[in-house]
Amino acid sequence: MSYLYAAYIATWTIHITYLATLLRRYTRLRNEIAEFKGRIEDK
């Protein structure tokens, strides 16, 4: 039964890490889009 708990914890750790990575990428992309819009408006 302890293997089941270990697998459960590992699964949630993987999911949380994946979601954090997606959030970080989305934030970076949103900042780049804002930067490009600023460059276009300055021209």
PDB file of N, CA and C in Angstrom:
ATOM      1  N   MET A   1       0.808  -1.193   0.000  1.00  0.00           N
ATOM      2  CA  MET A   1       0.000   0.000   0.000  1.00  0.00           C
ATOM      3  C   MET A   1       0.860   1.271   0.000  1.00  0.00           C
ATOM      4  N   SER A   2       2.059   1.181   0.552  1.00  0.00           N
ATOM      5  CA  SER A   2       2.921   2.363   0.572  1.00  0.00           C
ATOM      6  C   SER A   2       3.345   2.774  -0.841  1.00  0.00           C
ATOM      7  N   TYR A   3       3.432   1.803  -1.766  1.00  0.00           N
ATOM      8  CA  TYR A   3       3.759   2.138  -3.149  1.00  0.00           C
ATOM      9  C   TYR A   3       2.650   2.958  -3.785  1.00  0.00           C
ATOM     10  N   LEU A   4       1.429   2.678  -3.409  1.00  0.00           N
ATOM     11  CA  LEU A   4       0.299   3.430  -3.931  1.00  0.00           C
ATOM     12  C   LEU A   4       0.384   4.893  -3.495  1.00  0.00           C
ATOM     13  N   TYR A   5       0.711   5.135  -2.238  1.00  0.00           N
ATOM     14  CA  TYR A   5       0.857   6.503  -1.743  1.00  0.00           C
ATOM     15  C   TYR A   5       2.026   7.205  -2.428  1.00  0.00           C
ATOM     16  N   ALA A   6       3.098   6.483  -2.626  1.00  0.00           N
ATOM     17  CA  ALA A   6       4.263   7.077  -3.300  1.00  0.00           C
ATOM     18  C   ALA A   6       3.910   7.454  -4.741  1.00  0.00           C
ATOM     19  N   ALA A   7       3.171   6.595  -5.418  1.00  0.00           N
ATOM     20  CA  ALA A   7       2.752   6.884  -6.790  1.00  0.00           C
ATOM     21  C   ALA A   7       1.800   8.077  -6.822  1.00  0.00           C
ATOM     22  N   TYR A   8       0.909   8.149  -5.852  1.00  0.00           N
ATOM     23  CA  TYR A   8      -0.032   9.257  -5.768  1.00  0.00           C
ATOM     24  C   TYR A   8       0.713  10.579  -5.572  1.00  0.00           C
ATOM     25  N   ILE A   9       1.672  10.595  -4.666  1.00  0.00           N
ATOM     26  CA  ILE A   9       2.458  11.805  -4.420  1.00  0.00           C
ATOM     27  C   ILE A   9       3.277  12.174  -5.651  1.00  0.00           C
ATOM     28  N   ALA A  10       3.875  11.186  -6.285  1.00  0.00           N
ATOM     29  CA  ALA A  10       4.672  11.447  -7.489  1.00  0.00           C
ATOM     30  C   ALA A  10       3.804  12.016  -8.601  1.00  0.00           C
ATOM     31  N   THR A  11       2.605  11.484  -8.757  1.00  0.00           N
ATOM     32  CA  THR A  11       1.697  11.965  -9.806  1.00  0.00           C
ATOM     33  C   THR A  11       1.322  13.420  -9.573  1.00  0.00           C
ATOM     34  N   TRP A  12       0.971  13.764  -8.343  1.00  0.00           N
ATOM     35  CA  TRP A  12       0.601  15.150  -8.046  1.00  0.00           C
ATOM     36  C   TRP A  12       1.797  16.081  -8.180  1.00  0.00           C
ATOM     37  N   THR A  13       2.966  15.616  -7.811  1.00  0.00           N
ATOM     38  CA  THR A  13       4.166  16.434  -7.967  1.00  0.00           C
ATOM     39  C   THR A  13       4.422  16.741  -9.436  1.00  0.00           C
ATOM     40  N   ILE A  14       4.275  15.737 -10.274  1.00  0.00           N
ATOM     41  CA  ILE A  14       4.464  15.929 -11.717  1.00  0.00           C
ATOM     42  C   ILE A  14       3.436  16.904 -12.269  1.00  0.00           C
ATOM     43  N   HIS A  15       2.180  16.748 -11.871  1.00  0.00           N
ATOM     44  CA  HIS A  15       1.131  17.639 -12.363  1.00  0.00           C
ATOM     45  C   HIS A  15       1.358  19.083 -11.916  1.00  0.00           C
ATOM     46  N   ILE A  16       1.711  19.279 -10.677  1.00  0.00           N
ATOM     47  CA  ILE A  16       1.934  20.633 -10.168  1.00  0.00           C
ATOM     48  C   ILE A  16       3.133  21.277 -10.862  1.00  0.00           C
ATOM     49  N   THR A  17       4.188  20.500 -11.069  1.00  0.00           N
ATOM     50  CA  THR A  17       5.360  21.013 -11.776  1.00  0.00           C
ATOM     51  C   THR A  17       5.011  21.395 -13.207  1.00  0.00           C
ATOM     52  N   TYR A  18       4.220  20.562 -13.874  1.00  0.00           N
ATOM     53  CA  TYR A  18       3.804  20.843 -15.246  1.00  0.00           C
ATOM     54  C   TYR A  18       2.963  22.118 -15.308  1.00  0.00           C
ATOM     55  N   LEU A  19       2.027  22.266 -14.383  1.00  0.00           N
ATOM     56  CA  LEU A  19       1.192  23.469 -14.371  1.00  0.00           C
ATOM     57  C   LEU A  19       2.016  24.720 -14.074  1.00  0.00           C
ATOM     58  N   ALA A  20       2.990  24.618 -13.185  1.00  0.00           N
ATOM     59  CA  ALA A  20       3.857  25.757 -12.891  1.00  0.00           C
ATOM     60  C   ALA A  20       4.674  26.140 -14.121  1.00  0.00           C
ATOM     61  N   THR A  21       5.148  25.147 -14.861  1.00  0.00           N
ATOM     62  CA  THR A  21       5.898  25.413 -16.085  1.00  0.00           C
ATOM     63  C   THR A  21       5.021  26.106 -17.122  1.00  0.00           C
ATOM     64  N   LEU A  22       3.792  25.624 -17.277  1.00  0.00           N
ATOM     65  CA  LEU A  22       2.874  26.257 -18.222  1.00  0.00           C
ATOM     66  C   LEU A  22       2.580  27.696 -17.827  1.00  0.00           C
ATOM     67  N   LEU A  23       2.378  27.927 -16.552  1.00  0.00           N
ATOM     68  CA  LEU A  23       2.088  29.277 -16.087  1.00  0.00           C
ATOM     69  C   LEU A  23       3.267  30.205 -16.346  1.00  0.00           C
ATOM     70  N   ARG A  24       4.476  29.712 -16.086  1.00  0.00           N
ATOM     71  CA  ARG A  24       5.674  30.533 -16.316  1.00  0.00           C
ATOM     72  C   ARG A  24       5.825  30.855 -17.801  1.00  0.00           C
ATOM     73  N   ARG A  25       5.596  29.871 -18.673  1.00  0.00           N
ATOM     74  CA  ARG A  25       5.697  30.112 -20.114  1.00  0.00           C
ATOM     75  C   ARG A  25       4.635  31.086 -20.589  1.00  0.00           C
ATOM     76  N   TYR A  26       3.408  30.948 -20.066  1.00  0.00           N
ATOM     77  CA  TYR A  26       2.322  31.831 -20.462  1.00  0.00           C
ATOM     78  C   TYR A  26       2.619  33.271 -20.047  1.00  0.00           C
ATOM     79  N   THR A  27       3.147  33.443 -18.845  1.00  0.00           N
ATOM     80  CA  THR A  27       3.485  34.778 -18.362  1.00  0.00           C
ATOM     81  C   THR A  27       4.573  35.402 -19.227  1.00  0.00           C
ATOM     82  N   ARG A  28       5.591  34.611 -19.560  1.00  0.00           N
ATOM     83  CA  ARG A  28       6.672  35.115 -20.411  1.00  0.00           C
ATOM     84  C   ARG A  28       6.144  35.501 -21.796  1.00  0.00           C
ATOM     85  N   LEU A  29       5.267  34.674 -22.360  1.00  0.00           N
ATOM     86  CA  LEU A  29       4.703  34.958 -23.676  1.00  0.00           C
ATOM     87  C   LEU A  29       3.850  36.220 -23.641  1.00  0.00           C
ATOM     88  N   ARG A  30       3.060  36.381 -22.580  1.00  0.00           N
ATOM     89  CA  ARG A  30       2.217  37.564 -22.454  1.00  0.00           C
ATOM     90  C   ARG A  30       3.072  38.825 -22.345  1.00  0.00           C
ATOM     91  N   ASN A  31       4.184  38.741 -21.631  1.00  0.00           N
ATOM     92  CA  ASN A  31       5.090  39.893 -21.526  1.00  0.00           C
ATOM     93  C   ASN A  31       5.738  40.216 -22.866  1.00  0.00           C
ATOM     94  N   GLU A  32       6.101  39.198 -23.613  1.00  0.00           N
ATOM     95  CA  GLU A  32       6.698  39.438 -24.933  1.00  0.00           C
ATOM     96  C   GLU A  32       5.691  40.069 -25.878  1.00  0.00           C
ATOM     97  N   ILE A  33       4.450  39.630 -25.825  1.00  0.00           N
ATOM     98  CA  ILE A  33       3.413  40.214 -26.673  1.00  0.00           C
ATOM     99  C   ILE A  33       3.226  41.683 -26.334  1.00  0.00           C
ATOM    100  N   ALA A  34       3.193  42.008 -25.041  1.00  0.00           N
ATOM    101  CA  ALA A  34       3.054  43.407 -24.618  1.00  0.00           C
ATOM    102  C   ALA A  34       4.247  44.235 -25.097  1.00  0.00           C
ATOM    103  N   GLU A  35       5.435  43.648 -25.032  1.00  0.00           N
ATOM    104  CA  GLU A  35       6.627  44.358 -25.495  1.00  0.00           C
ATOM    105  C   GLU A  35       6.562  44.621 -26.996  1.00  0.00           C
ATOM    106  N   PHE A  36       6.150  43.638 -27.773  1.00  0.00           N
ATOM    107  CA  PHE A  36       6.044  43.813 -29.220  1.00  0.00           C
ATOM    108  C   PHE A  36       4.965  44.830 -29.581  1.00  0.00           C
ATOM    109  N   LYS A  37       3.859  44.819 -28.849  1.00  0.00           N
ATOM    110  CA  LYS A  37       2.820  45.815 -29.101  1.00  0.00           C
ATOM    111  C   LYS A  37       3.345  47.216 -28.815  1.00  0.00           C
ATOM    112  N   GLY A  38       4.144  47.335 -27.778  1.00  0.00           N
ATOM    113  CA  GLY A  38       4.737  48.638 -27.459  1.00  0.00           C
ATOM    114  C   GLY A  38       5.678  49.095 -28.549  1.00  0.00           C
ATOM    115  N   ARG A  39       6.442  48.192 -29.112  1.00  0.00           N
ATOM    116  CA  ARG A  39       7.353  48.549 -30.198  1.00  0.00           C
ATOM    117  C   ARG A  39       6.587  48.994 -31.435  1.00  0.00           C
ATOM    118  N   ILE A  40       5.488  48.302 -31.728  1.00  0.00           N
ATOM    119  CA  ILE A  40       4.701  48.624 -32.914  1.00  0.00           C
ATOM    120  C   ILE A  40       4.044  49.996 -32.737  1.00  0.00           C
ATOM    121  N   GLU A  41       3.543  50.290 -31.536  1.00  0.00           N
ATOM    122  CA  GLU A  41       2.883  51.569 -31.291  1.00  0.00           C
ATOM    123  C   GLU A  41       3.875  52.728 -31.315  1.00  0.00           C
ATOM    124  N   ASP A  42       5.127  52.479 -30.992  1.00  0.00           N
ATOM    125  CA  ASP A  42       6.136  53.549 -31.002  1.00  0.00           C
ATOM    126  C   ASP A  42       6.528  53.960 -32.413  1.00  0.00           C
ATOM    127  N   LYS A  43       6.313  53.125 -33.380  1.00  0.00           N
ATOM    128  CA  LYS A  43       6.721  53.423 -34.758  1.00  0.00           C
ATOM    129  C   LYS A  43       5.746  54.309 -35.459  1.00  0.00           C
TER     130      LYS A  43
END
